[in-house]
Amino acid sequence: MKNLLGKKSLVADLSLLIVTIIWGSGFVATKNALDTSSPFFILSLRFILACVLMGLIFFKQIIKINIRDLRAGCIIGFFLFIAFAAQTIGLQYTTAGKQAFLTGTNVVMVPFIYWLVSGKKPDMYNLISAFLCLLGISFLTLDGTLYINLGDTLTLICALFFACHIVFVGYFAEKHDPIILTFLQFLVAAVLSLISMFVFESTPSSISKDAIMPIAYLAIFSTLIAFLIQNVAQKYTTATHTAIILSLEAVFGSLLSTILLGERFTYKMFVGCITIFIAIITAETKLEFLKINKTTSKDNKDLLEELD
């Protein structure tokens, strides 16, 4: 039985690793799609396709939607839309590698937004993470001046709204079916993307052949499959494992952007990425894995002394 649970945990961890690679590659796919398509057009197709597929797969659960579900779905769907809109538009003015790490700062923001909502103050690890995160952002975005470009600013706004999205999903998930909430937030994001496309962009007469594959990848893999894998995998692994593995999204996003897009990666940017990565790990895990290792080492030492 113990071996079976251990195997499930290992499979879950490997599945989450696949999710981080998918999400990391999503920055590259979005960058490629932006070469021939506008931001809100990309978002419209991404969420419409994900919504339709999810509706077909989970039709029996989705037809049970009630007014309370709609209210919750509209709130978290709004946050999701603003986050993706800021991210997609921002990617036109910054590199995919930088954006991957800047988006990851949302995990550092979550405790402070949760403080505003619940009144629960952030702990020492959150404060340390916030300081490291600000330090990393300065290395990553400032180029000898106090000026941060439009793309990086929009990405930080994106991270803020992703943090709001995380907090409110956590709040509503206890009282609502997660499948229904996921479908509704995709639906709301799709509707808002369509409205924004008609208001701010010219309506495209057709989709570019070069954009079909990136948008399909974003809808099917980065949106639908990645979220489903994450929901299932988290049942069979620990919160610490999940936090560490998912924070690798920024690493894969940066690496794949350098390899596939040929983006320049300077020494200062590298220092910024490492600093932000340490901030994310600290905020998400409270460095529990170090305590576990320390305890394990002490137990092993005691065991050796007993054997002697």
C-alpha atoms as a PDB file:
ATOM      1  CA  MET A   1       0.000   0.000   0.000  1.00  0.00           C
ATOM      2  CA  LYS A   2       2.824   2.378   0.926  1.00  0.00           C
ATOM      3  CA  ASN A   3       4.640   1.591  -2.343  1.00  0.00           C
ATOM      4  CA  LEU A   4       1.437   2.265  -4.297  1.00  0.00           C
ATOM      5  CA  LEU A   5       1.014   5.685  -2.654  1.00  0.00           C
ATOM      6  CA  GLY A   6       4.671   6.434  -3.314  1.00  0.00           C
ATOM      7  CA  LYS A   7       4.252   5.610  -7.013  1.00  0.00           C
ATOM      8  CA  LYS A   8       1.130   7.804  -7.251  1.00  0.00           C
ATOM      9  CA  SER A   9       3.040  10.651  -5.609  1.00  0.00           C
ATOM     10  CA  LEU A  10       5.908  10.253  -8.073  1.00  0.00           C
ATOM     11  CA  VAL A  11       3.519  10.184 -11.053  1.00  0.00           C
ATOM     12  CA  ALA A  12       1.762  13.264  -9.668  1.00  0.00           C
ATOM     13  CA  ASP A  13       5.059  15.150  -9.320  1.00  0.00           C
ATOM     14  CA  LEU A  14       6.095  14.206 -12.862  1.00  0.00           C
ATOM     15  CA  SER A  15       2.663  15.298 -14.124  1.00  0.00           C
ATOM     16  CA  LEU A  16       3.078  18.689 -12.450  1.00  0.00           C
ATOM     17  CA  LEU A  17       6.510  18.983 -14.036  1.00  0.00           C
ATOM     18  CA  ILE A  18       4.838  18.466 -17.431  1.00  0.00           C
ATOM     19  CA  VAL A  19       2.381  21.245 -16.516  1.00  0.00           C
ATOM     20  CA  THR A  20       5.236  23.664 -15.789  1.00  0.00           C
ATOM     21  CA  ILE A  21       6.859  22.854 -19.140  1.00  0.00           C
ATOM     22  CA  ILE A  22       3.527  23.424 -20.928  1.00  0.00           C
ATOM     23  CA  TRP A  23       2.969  26.740 -19.148  1.00  0.00           C
ATOM     24  CA  GLY A  24       6.579  27.782 -19.722  1.00  0.00           C
ATOM     25  CA  SER A  25       6.284  27.039 -23.436  1.00  0.00           C
ATOM     26  CA  GLY A  26       3.036  29.016 -23.486  1.00  0.00           C
ATOM     27  CA  PHE A  27       5.062  32.248 -23.373  1.00  0.00           C
ATOM     28  CA  VAL A  28       6.817  31.184 -26.587  1.00  0.00           C
ATOM     29  CA  ALA A  29       3.509  30.196 -28.242  1.00  0.00           C
ATOM     30  CA  THR A  30       1.948  33.557 -27.327  1.00  0.00           C
ATOM     31  CA  LYS A  31       4.966  35.445 -28.653  1.00  0.00           C
ATOM     32  CA  ASN A  32       4.712  33.548 -31.962  1.00  0.00           C
ATOM     33  CA  ALA A  33       0.953  34.145 -32.214  1.00  0.00           C
ATOM     34  CA  LEU A  34       1.466  37.887 -31.672  1.00  0.00           C
ATOM     35  CA  ASP A  35       3.586  38.052 -34.831  1.00  0.00           C
ATOM     36  CA  THR A  36       0.455  37.723 -36.977  1.00  0.00           C
ATOM     37  CA  SER A  37      -2.533  38.253 -34.646  1.00  0.00           C
ATOM     38  CA  SER A  38      -3.786  40.876 -32.189  1.00  0.00           C
ATOM     39  CA  PRO A  39      -3.884  40.225 -28.402  1.00  0.00           C
ATOM     40  CA  PHE A  40      -7.667  40.148 -27.883  1.00  0.00           C
ATOM     41  CA  PHE A  41      -8.183  38.025 -30.995  1.00  0.00           C
ATOM     42  CA  ILE A  42      -5.729  35.476 -29.580  1.00  0.00           C
ATOM     43  CA  LEU A  43      -7.443  35.532 -26.182  1.00  0.00           C
ATOM     44  CA  SER A  44     -10.896  35.180 -27.753  1.00  0.00           C
ATOM     45  CA  LEU A  45      -9.947  32.059 -29.699  1.00  0.00           C
ATOM     46  CA  ARG A  46      -7.955  30.645 -26.785  1.00  0.00           C
ATOM     47  CA  PHE A  47     -10.808  30.829 -24.271  1.00  0.00           C
ATOM     48  CA  ILE A  48     -13.631  30.015 -26.703  1.00  0.00           C
ATOM     49  CA  LEU A  49     -11.885  26.814 -27.804  1.00  0.00           C
ATOM     50  CA  ALA A  50     -11.004  25.836 -24.214  1.00  0.00           C
ATOM     51  CA  CYS A  51     -14.584  26.576 -23.151  1.00  0.00           C
ATOM     52  CA  VAL A  52     -16.145  24.478 -25.928  1.00  0.00           C
ATOM     53  CA  LEU A  53     -13.857  21.506 -25.247  1.00  0.00           C
ATOM     54  CA  MET A  54     -14.482  21.680 -21.512  1.00  0.00           C
ATOM     55  CA  GLY A  55     -18.222  21.923 -22.114  1.00  0.00           C
ATOM     56  CA  LEU A  56     -18.129  18.756 -24.222  1.00  0.00           C
ATOM     57  CA  ILE A  57     -16.035  16.819 -21.682  1.00  0.00           C
ATOM     58  CA  PHE A  58     -17.886  17.891 -18.503  1.00  0.00           C
ATOM     59  CA  PHE A  59     -21.362  18.558 -19.895  1.00  0.00           C
ATOM     60  CA  LYS A  60     -23.197  16.621 -17.147  1.00  0.00           C
ATOM     61  CA  GLN A  61     -21.572  18.680 -14.390  1.00  0.00           C
ATOM     62  CA  ILE A  62     -21.779  22.021 -16.160  1.00  0.00           C
ATOM     63  CA  ILE A  63     -25.568  21.864 -16.702  1.00  0.00           C
ATOM     64  CA  LYS A  64     -25.932  21.997 -12.886  1.00  0.00           C
ATOM     65  CA  ILE A  65     -24.762  25.645 -12.811  1.00  0.00           C
ATOM     66  CA  ASN A  66     -26.789  27.902 -10.468  1.00  0.00           C
ATOM     67  CA  ILE A  67     -26.919  31.652  -9.721  1.00  0.00           C
ATOM     68  CA  ARG A  68     -24.313  31.384  -6.938  1.00  0.00           C
ATOM     69  CA  ASP A  69     -21.947  29.632  -9.327  1.00  0.00           C
ATOM     70  CA  LEU A  70     -22.486  32.380 -11.916  1.00  0.00           C
ATOM     71  CA  ARG A  71     -21.698  35.105  -9.383  1.00  0.00           C
ATOM     72  CA  ALA A  72     -18.469  33.409  -8.305  1.00  0.00           C
ATOM     73  CA  GLY A  73     -17.504  32.566 -11.901  1.00  0.00           C
ATOM     74  CA  CYS A  74     -17.962  36.179 -13.027  1.00  0.00           C
ATOM     75  CA  ILE A  75     -15.667  37.479 -10.283  1.00  0.00           C
ATOM     76  CA  ILE A  76     -12.799  35.064 -10.853  1.00  0.00           C
ATOM     77  CA  GLY A  77     -13.337  35.167 -14.627  1.00  0.00           C
ATOM     78  CA  PHE A  78     -12.899  38.972 -14.543  1.00  0.00           C
ATOM     79  CA  PHE A  79      -9.579  38.644 -12.698  1.00  0.00           C
ATOM     80  CA  LEU A  80      -8.444  35.912 -15.095  1.00  0.00           C
ATOM     81  CA  PHE A  81      -9.309  38.039 -18.136  1.00  0.00           C
ATOM     82  CA  ILE A  82      -7.486  41.158 -16.885  1.00  0.00           C
ATOM     83  CA  ALA A  83      -4.429  39.051 -15.987  1.00  0.00           C
ATOM     84  CA  PHE A  84      -4.230  37.383 -19.410  1.00  0.00           C
ATOM     85  CA  ALA A  85      -5.040  40.629 -21.240  1.00  0.00           C
ATOM     86  CA  ALA A  86      -2.219  42.487 -19.470  1.00  0.00           C
ATOM     87  CA  GLN A  87       0.126  39.542 -20.053  1.00  0.00           C
ATOM     88  CA  THR A  88      -0.661  39.140 -23.756  1.00  0.00           C
ATOM     89  CA  ILE A  89      -0.547  42.870 -24.549  1.00  0.00           C
ATOM     90  CA  GLY A  90       2.595  43.269 -22.428  1.00  0.00           C
ATOM     91  CA  LEU A  91       4.384  40.525 -24.341  1.00  0.00           C
ATOM     92  CA  GLN A  92       4.384  42.810 -27.379  1.00  0.00           C
ATOM     93  CA  TYR A  93       6.785  45.129 -25.535  1.00  0.00           C
ATOM     94  CA  THR A  94       9.018  42.764 -23.556  1.00  0.00           C
ATOM     95  CA  THR A  95      10.709  39.391 -23.973  1.00  0.00           C
ATOM     96  CA  ALA A  96       9.032  36.077 -23.198  1.00  0.00           C
ATOM     97  CA  GLY A  97      11.873  35.139 -20.844  1.00  0.00           C
ATOM     98  CA  LYS A  98      11.529  38.259 -18.702  1.00  0.00           C
ATOM     99  CA  GLN A  99       7.765  37.937 -18.664  1.00  0.00           C
ATOM    100  CA  ALA A 100       7.945  34.348 -17.441  1.00  0.00           C
ATOM    101  CA  PHE A 101       9.785  35.400 -14.284  1.00  0.00           C
ATOM    102  CA  LEU A 102       7.808  38.609 -13.725  1.00  0.00           C
ATOM    103  CA  THR A 103       4.510  36.674 -13.976  1.00  0.00           C
ATOM    104  CA  GLY A 104       5.824  34.279 -11.327  1.00  0.00           C
ATOM    105  CA  THR A 105       5.939  37.104  -8.782  1.00  0.00           C
ATOM    106  CA  ASN A 106       2.185  36.628  -8.276  1.00  0.00           C
ATOM    107  CA  VAL A 107       2.895  33.980  -5.605  1.00  0.00           C
ATOM    108  CA  VAL A 108       4.725  36.614  -3.561  1.00  0.00           C
ATOM    109  CA  MET A 109       1.769  39.025  -3.895  1.00  0.00           C
ATOM    110  CA  VAL A 110      -0.887  36.483  -2.821  1.00  0.00           C
ATOM    111  CA  PRO A 111      -0.298  36.692   0.989  1.00  0.00           C
ATOM    112  CA  PHE A 112      -0.579  40.489   0.935  1.00  0.00           C
ATOM    113  CA  ILE A 113      -3.831  40.442  -1.063  1.00  0.00           C
ATOM    114  CA  TYR A 114      -5.128  37.714   1.247  1.00  0.00           C
ATOM    115  CA  TRP A 115      -4.243  40.050   4.152  1.00  0.00           C
ATOM    116  CA  LEU A 116      -6.532  42.747   2.679  1.00  0.00           C
ATOM    117  CA  VAL A 117      -9.359  40.223   2.208  1.00  0.00           C
ATOM    118  CA  SER A 118      -9.102  38.216   5.444  1.00  0.00           C
ATOM    119  CA  GLY A 119      -7.091  40.393   7.824  1.00  0.00           C
ATOM    120  CA  LYS A 120      -4.466  37.651   8.288  1.00  0.00           C
ATOM    121  CA  LYS A 121      -1.021  39.267   8.293  1.00  0.00           C
ATOM    122  CA  PRO A 122       1.821  37.868   6.133  1.00  0.00           C
ATOM    123  CA  ASP A 123       4.519  36.000   8.044  1.00  0.00           C
ATOM    124  CA  MET A 124       8.285  36.542   8.103  1.00  0.00           C
ATOM    125  CA  TYR A 125       8.808  34.346   5.016  1.00  0.00           C
ATOM    126  CA  ASN A 126       6.340  36.459   3.025  1.00  0.00           C
ATOM    127  CA  LEU A 127       8.166  39.654   3.991  1.00  0.00           C
ATOM    128  CA  ILE A 128      11.542  38.166   3.039  1.00  0.00           C
ATOM    129  CA  SER A 129      10.066  36.959  -0.258  1.00  0.00           C
ATOM    130  CA  ALA A 130       8.627  40.395  -1.011  1.00  0.00           C
ATOM    131  CA  PHE A 131      12.022  42.039  -0.462  1.00  0.00           C
ATOM    132  CA  LEU A 132      13.830  39.439  -2.611  1.00  0.00           C
ATOM    133  CA  CYS A 133      11.157  39.776  -5.277  1.00  0.00           C
ATOM    134  CA  LEU A 134      11.553  43.562  -5.487  1.00  0.00           C
ATOM    135  CA  LEU A 135      15.327  43.123  -5.656  1.00  0.00           C
ATOM    136  CA  GLY A 136      14.972  40.564  -8.454  1.00  0.00           C
ATOM    137  CA  ILE A 137      12.544  42.765 -10.393  1.00  0.00           C
ATOM    138  CA  SER A 138      15.032  45.647 -10.236  1.00  0.00           C
ATOM    139  CA  PHE A 139      17.788  43.445 -11.692  1.00  0.00           C
ATOM    140  CA  LEU A 140      15.464  42.077 -14.353  1.00  0.00           C
ATOM    141  CA  THR A 141      13.756  45.273 -15.519  1.00  0.00           C
ATOM    142  CA  LEU A 142      15.818  48.361 -14.658  1.00  0.00           C
ATOM    143  CA  ASP A 143      18.473  49.277 -17.206  1.00  0.00           C
ATOM    144  CA  GLY A 144      20.662  51.778 -15.361  1.00  0.00           C
ATOM    145  CA  THR A 145      17.650  54.048 -14.642  1.00  0.00           C
ATOM    146  CA  LEU A 146      14.434  53.921 -12.619  1.00  0.00           C
ATOM    147  CA  TYR A 147      12.403  53.449 -15.811  1.00  0.00           C
ATOM    148  CA  ILE A 148      10.477  50.204 -16.348  1.00  0.00           C
ATOM    149  CA  ASN A 149       9.197  49.675 -19.896  1.00  0.00           C
ATOM    150  CA  LEU A 150       5.517  49.267 -20.793  1.00  0.00           C
ATOM    151  CA  GLY A 151       5.757  45.502 -21.320  1.00  0.00           C
ATOM    152  CA  ASP A 152       7.291  44.879 -17.888  1.00  0.00           C
ATOM    153  CA  THR A 153       4.749  47.203 -16.225  1.00  0.00           C
ATOM    154  CA  LEU A 154       1.830  45.372 -17.844  1.00  0.00           C
ATOM    155  CA  THR A 155       3.352  42.037 -16.816  1.00  0.00           C
ATOM    156  CA  LEU A 156       3.531  43.165 -13.179  1.00  0.00           C
ATOM    157  CA  ILE A 157      -0.145  44.211 -13.443  1.00  0.00           C
ATOM    158  CA  CYS A 158      -0.795  40.747 -14.882  1.00  0.00           C
ATOM    159  CA  ALA A 159       0.952  39.169 -11.862  1.00  0.00           C
ATOM    160  CA  LEU A 160      -1.170  41.298  -9.488  1.00  0.00           C
ATOM    161  CA  PHE A 161      -4.431  40.129 -11.080  1.00  0.00           C
ATOM    162  CA  PHE A 162      -3.250  36.513 -11.176  1.00  0.00           C
ATOM    163  CA  ALA A 163      -2.639  36.871  -7.440  1.00  0.00           C
ATOM    164  CA  CYS A 164      -6.197  38.224  -7.001  1.00  0.00           C
ATOM    165  CA  HIS A 165      -7.462  35.319  -9.099  1.00  0.00           C
ATOM    166  CA  ILE A 166      -5.655  32.789  -6.876  1.00  0.00           C
ATOM    167  CA  VAL A 167      -7.037  34.337  -3.667  1.00  0.00           C
ATOM    168  CA  PHE A 168     -10.648  34.400  -4.886  1.00  0.00           C
ATOM    169  CA  VAL A 169     -10.486  30.922  -6.415  1.00  0.00           C
ATOM    170  CA  GLY A 170      -9.353  29.691  -3.006  1.00  0.00           C
ATOM    171  CA  TYR A 171     -12.245  31.552  -1.386  1.00  0.00           C
ATOM    172  CA  PHE A 172     -14.947  30.221  -3.736  1.00  0.00           C
ATOM    173  CA  ALA A 173     -13.565  26.692  -4.272  1.00  0.00           C
ATOM    174  CA  GLU A 174     -14.772  25.531  -0.858  1.00  0.00           C
ATOM    175  CA  LYS A 175     -18.427  26.127  -1.738  1.00  0.00           C
ATOM    176  CA  HIS A 176     -18.491  25.475  -5.493  1.00  0.00           C
ATOM    177  CA  ASP A 177     -17.699  22.642  -7.899  1.00  0.00           C
ATOM    178  CA  PRO A 178     -14.168  23.333  -9.246  1.00  0.00           C
ATOM    179  CA  ILE A 179     -15.113  22.039 -12.710  1.00  0.00           C
ATOM    180  CA  ILE A 180     -18.035  24.472 -12.907  1.00  0.00           C
ATOM    181  CA  LEU A 181     -15.884  27.346 -11.636  1.00  0.00           C
ATOM    182  CA  THR A 182     -13.163  26.566 -14.178  1.00  0.00           C
ATOM    183  CA  PHE A 183     -15.680  26.445 -17.043  1.00  0.00           C
ATOM    184  CA  LEU A 184     -17.340  29.700 -15.963  1.00  0.00           C
ATOM    185  CA  GLN A 185     -14.091  31.608 -15.649  1.00  0.00           C
ATOM    186  CA  PHE A 186     -13.094  30.462 -19.145  1.00  0.00           C
ATOM    187  CA  LEU A 187     -16.538  31.537 -20.417  1.00  0.00           C
ATOM    188  CA  VAL A 188     -16.347  34.985 -18.789  1.00  0.00           C
ATOM    189  CA  ALA A 189     -12.804  35.491 -20.099  1.00  0.00           C
ATOM    190  CA  ALA A 190     -13.978  34.484 -23.589  1.00  0.00           C
ATOM    191  CA  VAL A 191     -16.910  36.948 -23.556  1.00  0.00           C
ATOM    192  CA  LEU A 192     -14.763  39.830 -22.243  1.00  0.00           C
ATOM    193  CA  SER A 193     -12.061  39.045 -24.809  1.00  0.00           C
ATOM    194  CA  LEU A 194     -14.613  39.161 -27.634  1.00  0.00           C
ATOM    195  CA  ILE A 195     -16.060  42.470 -26.423  1.00  0.00           C
ATOM    196  CA  SER A 196     -12.548  43.952 -26.112  1.00  0.00           C
ATOM    197  CA  MET A 197     -11.639  42.725 -29.588  1.00  0.00           C
ATOM    198  CA  PHE A 198     -14.654  44.460 -31.156  1.00  0.00           C
ATOM    199  CA  VAL A 199     -14.028  47.665 -29.159  1.00  0.00           C
ATOM    200  CA  PHE A 200     -10.236  48.017 -29.336  1.00  0.00           C
ATOM    201  CA  GLU A 201      -9.247  46.042 -32.432  1.00  0.00           C
ATOM    202  CA  SER A 202     -10.453  45.687 -35.984  1.00  0.00           C
ATOM    203  CA  THR A 203     -12.407  42.490 -36.506  1.00  0.00           C
ATOM    204  CA  PRO A 204     -10.189  40.024 -38.432  1.00  0.00           C
ATOM    205  CA  SER A 205     -11.651  38.508 -41.580  1.00  0.00           C
ATOM    206  CA  SER A 206      -9.562  35.352 -41.189  1.00  0.00           C
ATOM    207  CA  ILE A 207      -6.940  33.744 -38.998  1.00  0.00           C
ATOM    208  CA  SER A 208      -3.338  33.581 -40.191  1.00  0.00           C
ATOM    209  CA  LYS A 209      -1.970  30.100 -40.882  1.00  0.00           C
ATOM    210  CA  ASP A 210       1.053  30.962 -38.723  1.00  0.00           C
ATOM    211  CA  ALA A 211      -1.220  31.713 -35.751  1.00  0.00           C
ATOM    212  CA  ILE A 212      -3.369  28.560 -35.898  1.00  0.00           C
ATOM    213  CA  MET A 213      -0.883  26.225 -34.203  1.00  0.00           C
ATOM    214  CA  PRO A 214       0.215  28.623 -31.409  1.00  0.00           C
ATOM    215  CA  ILE A 215      -3.393  29.531 -30.523  1.00  0.00           C
ATOM    216  CA  ALA A 216      -4.515  25.878 -30.639  1.00  0.00           C
ATOM    217  CA  TYR A 217      -1.576  24.997 -28.369  1.00  0.00           C
ATOM    218  CA  LEU A 218      -2.533  27.752 -25.909  1.00  0.00           C
ATOM    219  CA  ALA A 219      -6.190  26.671 -25.833  1.00  0.00           C
ATOM    220  CA  ILE A 220      -5.739  22.901 -25.682  1.00  0.00           C
ATOM    221  CA  PHE A 221      -2.489  22.469 -23.765  1.00  0.00           C
ATOM    222  CA  SER A 222      -1.762  25.665 -21.787  1.00  0.00           C
ATOM    223  CA  THR A 223      -5.388  26.203 -20.772  1.00  0.00           C
ATOM    224  CA  LEU A 224      -7.495  23.030 -20.819  1.00  0.00           C
ATOM    225  CA  ILE A 225      -5.053  20.130 -20.341  1.00  0.00           C
ATOM    226  CA  ALA A 226      -2.672  21.921 -17.966  1.00  0.00           C
ATOM    227  CA  PHE A 227      -5.462  22.956 -15.580  1.00  0.00           C
ATOM    228  CA  LEU A 228      -6.986  19.459 -15.608  1.00  0.00           C
ATOM    229  CA  ILE A 229      -3.638  17.750 -14.935  1.00  0.00           C
ATOM    230  CA  GLN A 230      -2.938  20.144 -12.073  1.00  0.00           C
ATOM    231  CA  ASN A 231      -6.336  19.525 -10.444  1.00  0.00           C
ATOM    232  CA  VAL A 232      -5.900  15.746 -10.538  1.00  0.00           C
ATOM    233  CA  ALA A 233      -2.191  15.633  -9.643  1.00  0.00           C
ATOM    234  CA  GLN A 234      -2.550  17.798  -6.528  1.00  0.00           C
ATOM    235  CA  LYS A 235      -4.684  15.071  -4.917  1.00  0.00           C
ATOM    236  CA  TYR A 236      -1.669  12.737  -4.784  1.00  0.00           C
ATOM    237  CA  THR A 237       1.230  14.966  -3.775  1.00  0.00           C
ATOM    238  CA  THR A 238       2.092  17.449  -1.051  1.00  0.00           C
ATOM    239  CA  ALA A 239       1.574  21.204  -1.158  1.00  0.00           C
ATOM    240  CA  THR A 240       5.338  21.715  -0.796  1.00  0.00           C
ATOM    241  CA  HIS A 241       6.092  19.490  -3.795  1.00  0.00           C
ATOM    242  CA  THR A 242       3.427  21.269  -5.831  1.00  0.00           C
ATOM    243  CA  ALA A 243       4.747  24.732  -4.956  1.00  0.00           C
ATOM    244  CA  ILE A 244       8.351  23.904  -5.822  1.00  0.00           C
ATOM    245  CA  ILE A 245       7.505  22.173  -9.096  1.00  0.00           C
ATOM    246  CA  LEU A 246       5.028  24.794 -10.357  1.00  0.00           C
ATOM    247  CA  SER A 247       7.466  27.616  -9.612  1.00  0.00           C
ATOM    248  CA  LEU A 248       9.716  26.062 -12.282  1.00  0.00           C
ATOM    249  CA  GLU A 249       7.318  27.512 -14.881  1.00  0.00           C
ATOM    250  CA  ALA A 250       9.392  30.698 -14.850  1.00  0.00           C
ATOM    251  CA  VAL A 251      12.593  28.735 -15.406  1.00  0.00           C
ATOM    252  CA  PHE A 252      11.210  26.756 -18.352  1.00  0.00           C
ATOM    253  CA  GLY A 253       9.627  29.883 -19.824  1.00  0.00           C
ATOM    254  CA  SER A 254      12.942  31.690 -19.739  1.00  0.00           C
ATOM    255  CA  LEU A 255      15.002  28.757 -21.042  1.00  0.00           C
ATOM    256  CA  LEU A 256      12.612  27.951 -23.890  1.00  0.00           C
ATOM    257  CA  SER A 257      12.439  31.615 -24.880  1.00  0.00           C
ATOM    258  CA  THR A 258      16.224  31.746 -25.121  1.00  0.00           C
ATOM    259  CA  ILE A 259      16.454  28.466 -27.054  1.00  0.00           C
ATOM    260  CA  LEU A 260      13.431  28.765 -29.388  1.00  0.00           C
ATOM    261  CA  LEU A 261      13.195  32.545 -29.826  1.00  0.00           C
ATOM    262  CA  GLY A 262      16.891  33.378 -29.566  1.00  0.00           C
ATOM    263  CA  GLU A 263      16.270  36.010 -26.890  1.00  0.00           C
ATOM    264  CA  ARG A 264      19.332  37.664 -25.348  1.00  0.00           C
ATOM    265  CA  PHE A 265      19.843  36.786 -21.705  1.00  0.00           C
ATOM    266  CA  THR A 266      22.310  39.021 -19.854  1.00  0.00           C
ATOM    267  CA  TYR A 267      24.197  38.323 -16.630  1.00  0.00           C
ATOM    268  CA  LYS A 268      22.121  40.969 -14.773  1.00  0.00           C
ATOM    269  CA  MET A 269      18.892  39.350 -15.999  1.00  0.00           C
ATOM    270  CA  PHE A 270      20.198  35.969 -14.810  1.00  0.00           C
ATOM    271  CA  VAL A 271      20.833  37.372 -11.317  1.00  0.00           C
ATOM    272  CA  GLY A 272      17.323  38.866 -11.310  1.00  0.00           C
ATOM    273  CA  CYS A 273      15.744  35.558 -12.350  1.00  0.00           C
ATOM    274  CA  ILE A 274      17.613  33.603  -9.665  1.00  0.00           C
ATOM    275  CA  THR A 275      16.604  36.156  -7.005  1.00  0.00           C
ATOM    276  CA  ILE A 276      12.926  36.026  -8.040  1.00  0.00           C
ATOM    277  CA  PHE A 277      13.056  32.215  -8.136  1.00  0.00           C
ATOM    278  CA  ILE A 278      14.397  32.130  -4.548  1.00  0.00           C
ATOM    279  CA  ALA A 279      11.630  34.573  -3.531  1.00  0.00           C
ATOM    280  CA  ILE A 280       8.969  32.325  -5.103  1.00  0.00           C
ATOM    281  CA  ILE A 281      10.347  29.187  -3.422  1.00  0.00           C
ATOM    282  CA  THR A 282      10.503  30.978  -0.053  1.00  0.00           C
ATOM    283  CA  ALA A 283       6.947  32.314  -0.322  1.00  0.00           C
ATOM    284  CA  GLU A 284       5.436  29.036  -1.482  1.00  0.00           C
ATOM    285  CA  THR A 285       7.252  26.517   0.737  1.00  0.00           C
ATOM    286  CA  LYS A 286       8.286  28.502   3.852  1.00  0.00           C
ATOM    287  CA  LEU A 287      11.522  26.530   3.301  1.00  0.00           C
ATOM    288  CA  GLU A 288       9.842  23.462   4.827  1.00  0.00           C
ATOM    289  CA  PHE A 289      11.934  21.140   2.663  1.00  0.00           C
ATOM    290  CA  LEU A 290      15.079  22.366   4.462  1.00  0.00           C
ATOM    291  CA  LYS A 291      13.495  21.600   7.817  1.00  0.00           C
ATOM    292  CA  ILE A 292      12.541  18.120   6.606  1.00  0.00           C
ATOM    293  CA  ASN A 293      16.091  17.449   5.439  1.00  0.00           C
ATOM    294  CA  LYS A 294      17.462  18.727   8.739  1.00  0.00           C
ATOM    295  CA  THR A 295      15.102  16.498  10.724  1.00  0.00           C
ATOM    296  CA  THR A 296      15.922  13.496   8.530  1.00  0.00           C
ATOM    297  CA  SER A 297      19.661  14.057   8.999  1.00  0.00           C
ATOM    298  CA  LYS A 298      19.194  14.243  12.799  1.00  0.00           C
ATOM    299  CA  ASP A 299      17.136  11.027  12.814  1.00  0.00           C
ATOM    300  CA  ASN A 300      19.800   9.236  10.739  1.00  0.00           C
ATOM    301  CA  LYS A 301      22.524  10.458  13.096  1.00  0.00           C
ATOM    302  CA  ASP A 302      20.581   9.213  16.140  1.00  0.00           C
ATOM    303  CA  LEU A 303      20.040   5.852  14.451  1.00  0.00           C
ATOM    304  CA  LEU A 304      23.785   5.459  13.735  1.00  0.00           C
ATOM    305  CA  GLU A 305      24.613   6.297  17.366  1.00  0.00           C
ATOM    306  CA  GLU A 306      22.170   3.635  18.548  1.00  0.00           C
ATOM    307  CA  LEU A 307      23.727   1.044  16.223  1.00  0.00           C
ATOM    308  CA  ASP A 308      27.197   1.889  17.573  1.00  0.00           C
END
